Structure formats: C-alpha cells, structure tokens
Amino acid sequence: MVAQLACADCSRLFPTKIGLSQHRRHAHSTQHNADKLSRVKHSGARWSQQESQSLLRLANNLYPSCETQTALFARLEQYFPGQSAISIKTRLRVLNWQAQQDESSSGGPDQTIGQIAAYSSEADDYSVWFKQTVDCAVSLLESHADSSLASVDLLAFARGLQSGIMTPEQVLSLLDLHASRTFPHT
C-alpha cells in the first residue's frame, strides 16, 4: 500500500509530495504562502528617508534616558516594528549618528523629558494612523470582495496585518509574490 500524505490544513490525503504541495498552493494559498515566507531569509529591510529622519530624532530624544547605547537600540525596536536592534544600530552608524555625551547640549532634563513626551506622542500618532489605514484597507477589500483568488488573497493579507498575525514586512513579501504571479510580464 502506498503511504498517503495528509494536508495539515484539511487532512485530505495525497499519494505524492507534489500532489500535496499543489493542493496546498491552490486550496490553502494564504497559509502556504505564509509558511513559505517564514522559511525565507530576509535580506534586510530598506529604510525610507522619513524612517531615517524619525530614527535620528527618536535616538536623540531617547538617548539621555537610556543608560547604554544597547538599551537605546532595544528601546528603538519598539518604535520600528520589523527592525532588529542590530539593524537600528547599523542604520544609525550609516547616518553618522553620534550619542550626545554633553548634558548641557541637550537642554537639561526638563527639555529632554518634553522632547521624549513629544516624540512618544508622534509615535502614537503614527500607530493610530497605521491602524486606521489597515482598517480602511480591510473595509474596502471586504466591500469590493469577489470570488477571485486575487481578491481573497489581498483580503487575507490585510486581515493578517490587522490582527497582528503578520508583520508589515511579511505582507510586503506576500504582496510582491502576489504581484509577480498576477502580473507575470511586468
């Protein structure tokens, strides 16, 4: 008797690995793509000019309240989802950022606390904007949903981002893959 391979998503049986793979690719494309994405090594995220400027401002504002640069990099990770502490450290080095050693140049503790509060508010504003944008995308995709695989995939990507199951980087990779399959000649 030939060994049967079971689909992890629906328990359907297949006689070959290729058959199982094709089934998952077509019947469970979102999960299949997410599984593939989790195995892909990311070649490093690119920093936009706006992100670089925000990183510099935040590093300058938060540094006085951090005991070490390592603590600063760990704290900056909270404001830049998908970026590791090493990535942040490297980007600051590329941007020629220098930690302010002179307490007098920072304007004193009261000004520093005000700067941190102001930037925390800016980061909160970004988080609110990002959530509203994702919610709007999900709503638009739901209201214009049809039975096409492309529409279903895009809605699944947006819902994954909305629920926090997927990171923006994962969704970007899935969108790249989706676009290359949907528009193969571009």
N, C-alpha and C. Protein backbone atom coordinates (compact mmCIF):
# COMPACT_ATOMS: atom_id res chain seq x y z
N MET A 1 0.84 -1.18 0.00
CA MET A 1 0.00 0.00 0.00
C MET A 1 0.89 1.25 0.00
N VAL A 2 0.53 2.23 -0.79
CA VAL A 2 1.29 3.46 -0.91
C VAL A 2 0.97 4.37 0.28
N ALA A 3 2.02 4.93 0.87
CA ALA A 3 1.82 5.84 2.00
C ALA A 3 1.12 7.10 1.51
N GLN A 4 0.16 7.55 2.28
CA GLN A 4 -0.60 8.74 1.93
C GLN A 4 -0.09 9.92 2.75
N LEU A 5 0.02 11.06 2.11
CA LEU A 5 0.44 12.28 2.78
C LEU A 5 -0.79 13.13 3.06
N ALA A 6 -0.93 13.56 4.31
CA ALA A 6 -2.11 14.33 4.72
C ALA A 6 -1.83 15.82 4.69
N CYS A 7 -2.80 16.57 4.21
CA CYS A 7 -2.72 18.03 4.23
C CYS A 7 -2.90 18.48 5.69
N ALA A 8 -2.00 19.31 6.16
CA ALA A 8 -2.06 19.79 7.54
C ALA A 8 -3.25 20.73 7.77
N ASP A 9 -3.77 21.31 6.70
CA ASP A 9 -4.85 22.27 6.83
C ASP A 9 -6.24 21.65 6.78
N CYS A 10 -6.40 20.57 5.98
CA CYS A 10 -7.75 20.00 5.85
C CYS A 10 -7.76 18.46 5.97
N SER A 11 -6.62 17.86 6.19
CA SER A 11 -6.47 16.41 6.38
C SER A 11 -6.78 15.58 5.13
N ARG A 12 -6.90 16.19 3.98
CA ARG A 12 -7.09 15.45 2.74
C ARG A 12 -5.81 14.67 2.43
N LEU A 13 -5.94 13.47 1.87
CA LEU A 13 -4.80 12.59 1.63
C LEU A 13 -4.34 12.66 0.17
N PHE A 14 -3.01 12.57 -0.01
CA PHE A 14 -2.42 12.61 -1.34
C PHE A 14 -1.33 11.55 -1.44
N PRO A 15 -1.19 10.91 -2.61
CA PRO A 15 -0.20 9.86 -2.76
C PRO A 15 1.23 10.38 -2.96
N THR A 16 1.38 11.66 -3.39
CA THR A 16 2.72 12.19 -3.64
C THR A 16 2.92 13.53 -2.96
N LYS A 17 4.19 13.88 -2.75
CA LYS A 17 4.52 15.18 -2.17
C LYS A 17 4.13 16.32 -3.13
N ILE A 18 4.30 16.06 -4.42
CA ILE A 18 3.95 17.07 -5.41
C ILE A 18 2.45 17.34 -5.39
N GLY A 19 1.66 16.27 -5.30
CA GLY A 19 0.21 16.44 -5.23
C GLY A 19 -0.21 17.23 -4.01
N LEU A 20 0.40 16.91 -2.87
CA LEU A 20 0.10 17.64 -1.63
C LEU A 20 0.50 19.11 -1.77
N SER A 21 1.68 19.34 -2.33
CA SER A 21 2.16 20.71 -2.50
C SER A 21 1.23 21.52 -3.41
N GLN A 22 0.82 20.92 -4.51
CA GLN A 22 -0.08 21.61 -5.44
C GLN A 22 -1.43 21.90 -4.78
N HIS A 23 -1.93 20.94 -4.02
CA HIS A 23 -3.19 21.13 -3.30
C HIS A 23 -3.07 22.32 -2.35
N ARG A 24 -2.01 22.34 -1.53
CA ARG A 24 -1.84 23.43 -0.57
C ARG A 24 -1.68 24.77 -1.28
N ARG A 25 -0.96 24.77 -2.40
CA ARG A 25 -0.73 26.01 -3.15
C ARG A 25 -2.05 26.58 -3.67
N HIS A 26 -2.95 25.72 -4.09
CA HIS A 26 -4.22 26.19 -4.66
C HIS A 26 -5.34 26.31 -3.62
N ALA A 27 -5.49 25.32 -2.76
CA ALA A 27 -6.62 25.31 -1.81
C ALA A 27 -6.36 26.15 -0.56
N HIS A 28 -5.11 26.24 -0.15
CA HIS A 28 -4.76 26.96 1.08
C HIS A 28 -3.63 27.94 0.78
N SER A 29 -3.81 28.77 -0.22
CA SER A 29 -2.73 29.62 -0.71
C SER A 29 -2.21 30.59 0.34
N THR A 30 -3.07 31.17 1.14
CA THR A 30 -2.61 32.13 2.14
C THR A 30 -1.70 31.45 3.16
N GLN A 31 -2.12 30.32 3.69
CA GLN A 31 -1.30 29.60 4.66
C GLN A 31 -0.02 29.07 4.00
N HIS A 32 -0.14 28.57 2.77
CA HIS A 32 1.02 28.06 2.03
C HIS A 32 2.05 29.18 1.85
N ASN A 33 1.58 30.37 1.42
CA ASN A 33 2.49 31.49 1.22
C ASN A 33 3.10 31.96 2.54
N ALA A 34 2.31 31.97 3.60
CA ALA A 34 2.84 32.36 4.92
C ALA A 34 3.90 31.37 5.38
N ASP A 35 3.68 30.07 5.15
CA ASP A 35 4.68 29.06 5.51
C ASP A 35 5.96 29.26 4.71
N LYS A 36 5.80 29.52 3.41
CA LYS A 36 6.98 29.76 2.57
C LYS A 36 7.72 31.00 3.04
N LEU A 37 6.97 32.03 3.36
CA LEU A 37 7.58 33.28 3.80
C LEU A 37 8.36 33.09 5.09
N SER A 38 7.86 32.26 5.99
CA SER A 38 8.55 32.05 7.26
C SER A 38 9.89 31.35 7.06
N ARG A 39 10.06 30.67 5.94
CA ARG A 39 11.32 29.99 5.66
C ARG A 39 12.30 30.86 4.88
N VAL A 40 11.84 32.00 4.40
CA VAL A 40 12.69 32.88 3.60
C VAL A 40 13.52 33.75 4.53
N LYS A 41 14.82 33.83 4.23
CA LYS A 41 15.67 34.74 4.98
C LYS A 41 15.51 36.13 4.38
N HIS A 42 15.24 37.09 5.25
CA HIS A 42 15.06 38.45 4.77
C HIS A 42 16.43 39.07 4.53
N SER A 43 16.56 39.75 3.42
CA SER A 43 17.85 40.33 3.05
C SER A 43 18.01 41.73 3.63
N GLY A 44 17.22 42.05 4.58
CA GLY A 44 17.34 43.35 5.22
C GLY A 44 16.28 44.31 4.70
N ALA A 45 15.65 44.97 5.61
CA ALA A 45 14.61 45.93 5.23
C ALA A 45 15.27 47.23 4.79
N ARG A 46 14.64 47.91 3.91
CA ARG A 46 15.13 49.21 3.46
C ARG A 46 14.50 50.29 4.33
N TRP A 47 15.27 51.32 4.56
CA TRP A 47 14.79 52.43 5.38
C TRP A 47 14.40 53.57 4.44
N SER A 48 13.21 54.09 4.61
CA SER A 48 12.80 55.26 3.83
C SER A 48 13.47 56.49 4.45
N GLN A 49 13.46 57.58 3.70
CA GLN A 49 14.05 58.82 4.21
C GLN A 49 13.28 59.28 5.45
N GLN A 50 11.97 59.14 5.44
CA GLN A 50 11.15 59.54 6.59
C GLN A 50 11.50 58.68 7.81
N GLU A 51 11.66 57.36 7.60
CA GLU A 51 12.02 56.49 8.72
C GLU A 51 13.39 56.85 9.27
N SER A 52 14.33 57.17 8.38
CA SER A 52 15.68 57.55 8.82
C SER A 52 15.63 58.82 9.65
N GLN A 53 14.86 59.80 9.20
CA GLN A 53 14.74 61.05 9.95
C GLN A 53 14.07 60.81 11.31
N SER A 54 13.05 59.98 11.31
CA SER A 54 12.37 59.65 12.57
C SER A 54 13.31 58.92 13.51
N LEU A 55 14.12 58.01 12.96
CA LEU A 55 15.08 57.27 13.77
C LEU A 55 16.09 58.22 14.41
N LEU A 56 16.61 59.16 13.64
CA LEU A 56 17.57 60.12 14.20
C LEU A 56 16.94 60.97 15.30
N ARG A 57 15.74 61.49 15.05
CA ARG A 57 15.06 62.31 16.07
C ARG A 57 14.80 61.51 17.33
N LEU A 58 14.29 60.31 17.15
CA LEU A 58 13.96 59.49 18.31
C LEU A 58 15.22 59.08 19.07
N ALA A 59 16.29 58.74 18.36
CA ALA A 59 17.55 58.38 19.02
C ALA A 59 18.07 59.55 19.84
N ASN A 60 18.03 60.75 19.27
CA ASN A 60 18.48 61.94 20.01
C ASN A 60 17.62 62.21 21.23
N ASN A 61 16.32 61.99 21.10
CA ASN A 61 15.40 62.28 22.21
C ASN A 61 15.46 61.23 23.30
N LEU A 62 15.64 59.97 22.92
CA LEU A 62 15.61 58.89 23.91
C LEU A 62 16.96 58.60 24.55
N TYR A 63 18.05 58.96 23.88
CA TYR A 63 19.37 58.59 24.39
C TYR A 63 19.62 59.06 25.82
N PRO A 64 19.27 60.30 26.18
CA PRO A 64 19.54 60.74 27.56
C PRO A 64 18.85 59.88 28.62
N SER A 65 17.75 59.25 28.28
CA SER A 65 17.03 58.44 29.28
C SER A 65 17.47 56.98 29.28
N CYS A 66 18.40 56.62 28.40
CA CYS A 66 18.90 55.24 28.34
C CYS A 66 20.31 55.19 28.92
N GLU A 67 20.59 54.15 29.70
CA GLU A 67 21.90 54.05 30.34
C GLU A 67 23.00 53.71 29.35
N THR A 68 22.68 52.91 28.34
CA THR A 68 23.69 52.50 27.35
C THR A 68 23.09 52.61 25.95
N GLN A 69 23.99 52.57 24.96
CA GLN A 69 23.50 52.56 23.58
C GLN A 69 22.73 51.28 23.30
N THR A 70 23.15 50.17 23.89
CA THR A 70 22.43 48.91 23.70
C THR A 70 20.99 49.04 24.19
N ALA A 71 20.81 49.69 25.33
CA ALA A 71 19.45 49.92 25.85
C ALA A 71 18.66 50.81 24.90
N LEU A 72 19.34 51.79 24.32
CA LEU A 72 18.68 52.68 23.35
C LEU A 72 18.21 51.89 22.13
N PHE A 73 19.08 51.02 21.59
CA PHE A 73 18.71 50.25 20.40
C PHE A 73 17.52 49.34 20.71
N ALA A 74 17.52 48.74 21.89
CA ALA A 74 16.41 47.87 22.28
C ALA A 74 15.12 48.69 22.40
N ARG A 75 15.22 49.88 22.93
CA ARG A 75 14.04 50.74 23.07
C ARG A 75 13.53 51.21 21.71
N LEU A 76 14.45 51.49 20.80
CA LEU A 76 14.06 51.94 19.46
C LEU A 76 13.34 50.84 18.68
N GLU A 77 13.62 49.58 19.02
CA GLU A 77 12.93 48.46 18.36
C GLU A 77 11.41 48.58 18.51
N GLN A 78 10.96 49.11 19.64
CA GLN A 78 9.53 49.25 19.91
C GLN A 78 8.87 50.21 18.92
N TYR A 79 9.62 51.19 18.43
CA TYR A 79 9.07 52.20 17.53
C TYR A 79 9.20 51.81 16.06
N PHE A 80 10.03 50.80 15.77
CA PHE A 80 10.25 50.38 14.39
C PHE A 80 10.02 48.88 14.27
N PRO A 81 8.75 48.46 14.20
CA PRO A 81 8.45 47.04 14.11
C PRO A 81 9.09 46.45 12.85
N GLY A 82 9.66 45.28 13.01
CA GLY A 82 10.30 44.62 11.87
C GLY A 82 11.78 44.94 11.77
N GLN A 83 12.26 45.89 12.56
CA GLN A 83 13.69 46.23 12.55
C GLN A 83 14.31 45.72 13.84
N SER A 84 15.42 45.01 13.71
CA SER A 84 16.11 44.49 14.88
C SER A 84 17.00 45.57 15.49
N ALA A 85 17.47 45.32 16.71
CA ALA A 85 18.38 46.26 17.36
C ALA A 85 19.65 46.43 16.53
N ILE A 86 20.12 45.34 15.94
CA ILE A 86 21.33 45.40 15.11
C ILE A 86 21.07 46.23 13.86
N SER A 87 19.91 46.07 13.26
CA SER A 87 19.54 46.86 12.09
C SER A 87 19.48 48.34 12.44
N ILE A 88 18.92 48.64 13.59
CA ILE A 88 18.82 50.04 14.04
C ILE A 88 20.22 50.60 14.30
N LYS A 89 21.05 49.82 14.97
CA LYS A 89 22.43 50.25 15.24
C LYS A 89 23.17 50.53 13.94
N THR A 90 23.03 49.62 12.98
CA THR A 90 23.70 49.78 11.69
C THR A 90 23.20 51.01 10.95
N ARG A 91 21.88 51.23 10.98
CA ARG A 91 21.32 52.39 10.29
C ARG A 91 21.80 53.69 10.92
N LEU A 92 21.86 53.73 12.24
CA LEU A 92 22.37 54.92 12.91
C LEU A 92 23.83 55.17 12.55
N ARG A 93 24.60 54.11 12.42
CA ARG A 93 26.00 54.24 12.02
C ARG A 93 26.10 54.80 10.59
N VAL A 94 25.28 54.28 9.68
CA VAL A 94 25.26 54.77 8.30
C VAL A 94 24.87 56.25 8.26
N LEU A 95 23.97 56.65 9.14
CA LEU A 95 23.52 58.04 9.20
C LEU A 95 24.48 58.93 9.99
N ASN A 96 25.60 58.37 10.44
CA ASN A 96 26.62 59.10 11.21
C ASN A 96 26.07 59.71 12.49
N TRP A 97 25.17 58.99 13.15
CA TRP A 97 24.60 59.47 14.40
C TRP A 97 25.64 59.35 15.50
N GLN A 98 25.74 60.36 16.33
CA GLN A 98 26.65 60.36 17.48
C GLN A 98 25.83 60.57 18.74
N ALA A 99 26.07 59.73 19.73
CA ALA A 99 25.39 59.91 21.01
C ALA A 99 25.86 61.21 21.63
N GLN A 100 24.93 61.98 22.17
CA GLN A 100 25.29 63.25 22.80
C GLN A 100 25.86 62.97 24.18
N GLN A 101 27.14 63.23 24.32
CA GLN A 101 27.81 62.98 25.60
C GLN A 101 27.66 64.18 26.54
N ASP A 102 27.50 65.36 25.98
CA ASP A 102 27.45 66.59 26.75
C ASP A 102 26.03 66.86 27.23
N GLU A 103 25.82 66.82 28.53
CA GLU A 103 24.48 67.04 29.11
C GLU A 103 23.97 68.45 28.82
N SER A 104 24.91 69.44 28.76
CA SER A 104 24.47 70.82 28.56
C SER A 104 23.91 71.04 27.16
N SER A 105 24.37 70.26 26.17
CA SER A 105 23.87 70.46 24.81
C SER A 105 22.46 69.91 24.63
N SER A 106 22.01 69.09 25.56
CA SER A 106 20.68 68.50 25.40
C SER A 106 19.59 69.42 25.92
N GLY A 107 19.98 70.50 26.61
CA GLY A 107 18.98 71.45 27.07
C GLY A 107 18.45 71.14 28.46
N GLY A 108 19.06 70.23 29.17
CA GLY A 108 18.65 69.92 30.52
C GLY A 108 17.58 68.86 30.58
N PRO A 109 17.36 68.29 31.79
CA PRO A 109 16.43 67.19 31.93
C PRO A 109 14.98 67.55 31.60
N ASP A 110 14.54 68.77 31.95
CA ASP A 110 13.15 69.14 31.68
C ASP A 110 12.86 69.17 30.19
N GLN A 111 13.80 69.75 29.42
CA GLN A 111 13.61 69.81 27.97
C GLN A 111 13.64 68.40 27.38
N THR A 112 14.55 67.55 27.89
CA THR A 112 14.65 66.18 27.39
C THR A 112 13.35 65.42 27.63
N ILE A 113 12.78 65.57 28.83
CA ILE A 113 11.52 64.90 29.14
C ILE A 113 10.43 65.39 28.20
N GLY A 114 10.41 66.70 27.93
CA GLY A 114 9.43 67.25 27.00
C GLY A 114 9.61 66.71 25.59
N GLN A 115 10.89 66.57 25.17
CA GLN A 115 11.16 66.03 23.84
C GLN A 115 10.70 64.58 23.74
N ILE A 116 10.98 63.81 24.79
CA ILE A 116 10.58 62.39 24.79
C ILE A 116 9.05 62.29 24.73
N ALA A 117 8.37 63.11 25.53
CA ALA A 117 6.90 63.08 25.52
C ALA A 117 6.37 63.48 24.15
N ALA A 118 6.98 64.50 23.54
CA ALA A 118 6.53 64.94 22.22
C ALA A 118 6.75 63.84 21.19
N TYR A 119 7.90 63.17 21.23
CA TYR A 119 8.15 62.14 20.23
C TYR A 119 7.31 60.91 20.50
N SER A 120 7.08 60.59 21.77
CA SER A 120 6.20 59.46 22.07
C SER A 120 4.82 59.73 21.50
N SER A 121 4.38 60.98 21.59
CA SER A 121 3.10 61.36 21.02
C SER A 121 3.11 61.19 19.51
N GLU A 122 4.24 61.56 18.86
CA GLU A 122 4.37 61.39 17.41
C GLU A 122 4.32 59.91 17.03
N ALA A 123 4.99 59.07 17.82
CA ALA A 123 4.97 57.63 17.56
C ALA A 123 3.56 57.07 17.75
N ASP A 124 2.86 57.57 18.78
CA ASP A 124 1.47 57.14 19.00
C ASP A 124 0.59 57.57 17.82
N ASP A 125 0.83 58.79 17.31
CA ASP A 125 0.08 59.27 16.15
C ASP A 125 0.30 58.34 14.96
N TYR A 126 1.54 57.92 14.76
CA TYR A 126 1.86 57.01 13.66
C TYR A 126 1.13 55.68 13.85
N SER A 127 1.13 55.16 15.08
CA SER A 127 0.45 53.89 15.34
C SER A 127 -1.03 54.00 15.05
N VAL A 128 -1.64 55.11 15.44
CA VAL A 128 -3.06 55.33 15.18
C VAL A 128 -3.30 55.41 13.68
N TRP A 129 -2.46 56.18 12.98
CA TRP A 129 -2.60 56.31 11.53
C TRP A 129 -2.46 54.95 10.85
N PHE A 130 -1.46 54.17 11.26
CA PHE A 130 -1.22 52.86 10.65
C PHE A 130 -2.44 51.95 10.86
N LYS A 131 -2.96 51.91 12.09
CA LYS A 131 -4.13 51.07 12.38
C LYS A 131 -5.33 51.52 11.55
N GLN A 132 -5.55 52.83 11.48
CA GLN A 132 -6.68 53.34 10.69
C GLN A 132 -6.52 52.99 9.21
N THR A 133 -5.31 53.07 8.71
CA THR A 133 -5.06 52.75 7.30
C THR A 133 -5.33 51.29 7.02
N VAL A 134 -4.86 50.41 7.90
CA VAL A 134 -5.10 48.97 7.72
C VAL A 134 -6.59 48.67 7.83
N ASP A 135 -7.26 49.26 8.83
CA ASP A 135 -8.70 49.05 8.98
C ASP A 135 -9.45 49.50 7.73
N CYS A 136 -9.06 50.62 7.17
CA CYS A 136 -9.69 51.14 5.96
C CYS A 136 -9.45 50.18 4.78
N ALA A 137 -8.22 49.66 4.66
CA ALA A 137 -7.91 48.70 3.59
C ALA A 137 -8.78 47.45 3.71
N VAL A 138 -8.91 46.93 4.94
CA VAL A 138 -9.74 45.74 5.15
C VAL A 138 -11.18 46.04 4.77
N SER A 139 -11.68 47.18 5.21
CA SER A 139 -13.07 47.56 4.91
C SER A 139 -13.30 47.68 3.41
N LEU A 140 -12.39 48.33 2.70
CA LEU A 140 -12.52 48.47 1.25
C LEU A 140 -12.46 47.12 0.55
N LEU A 141 -11.53 46.27 0.98
CA LEU A 141 -11.41 44.94 0.36
C LEU A 141 -12.65 44.10 0.64
N GLU A 142 -13.21 44.22 1.85
CA GLU A 142 -14.43 43.47 2.17
C GLU A 142 -15.61 43.96 1.33
N SER A 143 -15.71 45.27 1.15
CA SER A 143 -16.86 45.81 0.42
C SER A 143 -16.76 45.56 -1.08
N HIS A 144 -15.55 45.31 -1.58
CA HIS A 144 -15.37 45.05 -3.01
C HIS A 144 -14.92 43.62 -3.27
N ALA A 145 -15.16 42.75 -2.31
CA ALA A 145 -14.70 41.36 -2.44
C ALA A 145 -15.51 40.64 -3.50
N ASP A 146 -14.79 39.85 -4.27
CA ASP A 146 -15.45 38.93 -5.19
C ASP A 146 -14.81 37.57 -4.97
N SER A 147 -15.17 36.62 -5.76
CA SER A 147 -14.68 35.27 -5.52
C SER A 147 -13.32 35.01 -6.15
N SER A 148 -12.72 36.01 -6.79
CA SER A 148 -11.43 35.77 -7.43
C SER A 148 -10.37 35.53 -6.36
N LEU A 149 -9.41 34.71 -6.74
CA LEU A 149 -8.33 34.36 -5.81
C LEU A 149 -7.54 35.60 -5.42
N ALA A 150 -7.35 36.53 -6.37
CA ALA A 150 -6.59 37.74 -6.08
C ALA A 150 -7.27 38.55 -4.98
N SER A 151 -8.57 38.72 -5.06
CA SER A 151 -9.31 39.49 -4.07
C SER A 151 -9.27 38.80 -2.70
N VAL A 152 -9.42 37.50 -2.70
CA VAL A 152 -9.40 36.73 -1.45
C VAL A 152 -8.02 36.82 -0.80
N ASP A 153 -6.96 36.70 -1.60
CA ASP A 153 -5.60 36.79 -1.07
C ASP A 153 -5.33 38.16 -0.46
N LEU A 154 -5.68 39.22 -1.18
CA LEU A 154 -5.43 40.57 -0.67
C LEU A 154 -6.17 40.81 0.64
N LEU A 155 -7.40 40.33 0.73
CA LEU A 155 -8.17 40.48 1.96
C LEU A 155 -7.51 39.69 3.09
N ALA A 156 -7.01 38.49 2.78
CA ALA A 156 -6.34 37.69 3.81
C ALA A 156 -5.06 38.38 4.29
N PHE A 157 -4.31 38.98 3.37
CA PHE A 157 -3.10 39.70 3.77
C PHE A 157 -3.46 40.86 4.70
N ALA A 158 -4.47 41.63 4.31
CA ALA A 158 -4.88 42.80 5.11
C ALA A 158 -5.38 42.37 6.48
N ARG A 159 -6.17 41.29 6.53
CA ARG A 159 -6.66 40.81 7.82
C ARG A 159 -5.51 40.29 8.69
N GLY A 160 -4.53 39.64 8.07
CA GLY A 160 -3.37 39.16 8.81
C GLY A 160 -2.61 40.32 9.44
N LEU A 161 -2.47 41.40 8.70
CA LEU A 161 -1.80 42.59 9.22
C LEU A 161 -2.63 43.24 10.31
N GLN A 162 -3.94 43.31 10.09
CA GLN A 162 -4.85 43.93 11.05
C GLN A 162 -4.84 43.18 12.38
N SER A 163 -4.81 41.86 12.32
CA SER A 163 -4.86 41.06 13.55
C SER A 163 -3.50 40.92 14.23
N GLY A 164 -2.44 41.32 13.54
CA GLY A 164 -1.11 41.19 14.11
C GLY A 164 -0.46 39.84 13.86
N ILE A 165 -1.14 38.97 13.11
CA ILE A 165 -0.57 37.67 12.79
C ILE A 165 0.62 37.84 11.86
N MET A 166 0.54 38.83 10.97
CA MET A 166 1.62 39.09 10.02
C MET A 166 2.22 40.47 10.30
N THR A 167 3.52 40.57 10.06
CA THR A 167 4.20 41.85 10.17
C THR A 167 4.08 42.58 8.83
N PRO A 168 4.31 43.89 8.84
CA PRO A 168 4.29 44.61 7.56
C PRO A 168 5.29 44.04 6.55
N GLU A 169 6.44 43.58 7.02
CA GLU A 169 7.44 43.01 6.13
C GLU A 169 6.93 41.72 5.49
N GLN A 170 6.25 40.89 6.27
CA GLN A 170 5.70 39.66 5.72
C GLN A 170 4.64 39.97 4.66
N VAL A 171 3.78 40.93 4.95
CA VAL A 171 2.73 41.30 3.99
C VAL A 171 3.37 41.87 2.72
N LEU A 172 4.41 42.68 2.88
CA LEU A 172 5.09 43.23 1.71
C LEU A 172 5.66 42.12 0.83
N SER A 173 6.28 41.12 1.46
CA SER A 173 6.82 39.99 0.69
C SER A 173 5.71 39.22 0.00
N LEU A 174 4.61 38.99 0.71
CA LEU A 174 3.47 38.30 0.10
C LEU A 174 2.88 39.11 -1.05
N LEU A 175 2.82 40.42 -0.89
CA LEU A 175 2.31 41.27 -1.97
C LEU A 175 3.23 41.23 -3.19
N ASP A 176 4.54 41.21 -2.96
CA ASP A 176 5.48 41.08 -4.07
C ASP A 176 5.26 39.78 -4.82
N LEU A 177 5.13 38.69 -4.07
CA LEU A 177 4.88 37.38 -4.66
C LEU A 177 3.55 37.38 -5.41
N HIS A 178 2.53 37.94 -4.79
CA HIS A 178 1.19 38.01 -5.38
C HIS A 178 1.23 38.81 -6.69
N ALA A 179 1.93 39.94 -6.68
CA ALA A 179 2.01 40.79 -7.88
C ALA A 179 2.75 40.07 -9.00
N SER A 180 3.83 39.36 -8.66
CA SER A 180 4.58 38.66 -9.71
C SER A 180 3.76 37.54 -10.33
N ARG A 181 2.88 36.93 -9.55
CA ARG A 181 2.02 35.88 -10.10
C ARG A 181 0.83 36.46 -10.86
N THR A 182 0.30 37.56 -10.36
CA THR A 182 -0.86 38.17 -11.00
C THR A 182 -0.47 38.90 -12.29
N PHE A 183 0.70 39.53 -12.27
CA PHE A 183 1.19 40.28 -13.43
C PHE A 183 2.56 39.73 -13.83
N PRO A 184 2.63 38.55 -14.43
CA PRO A 184 3.91 37.88 -14.67
C PRO A 184 4.81 38.58 -15.68
N HIS A 185 4.30 39.47 -16.48
CA HIS A 185 5.11 40.08 -17.54
C HIS A 185 5.62 41.47 -17.18
N THR A 186 5.53 41.85 -15.91
CA THR A 186 5.98 43.19 -15.54
C THR A 186 7.30 43.12 -14.84
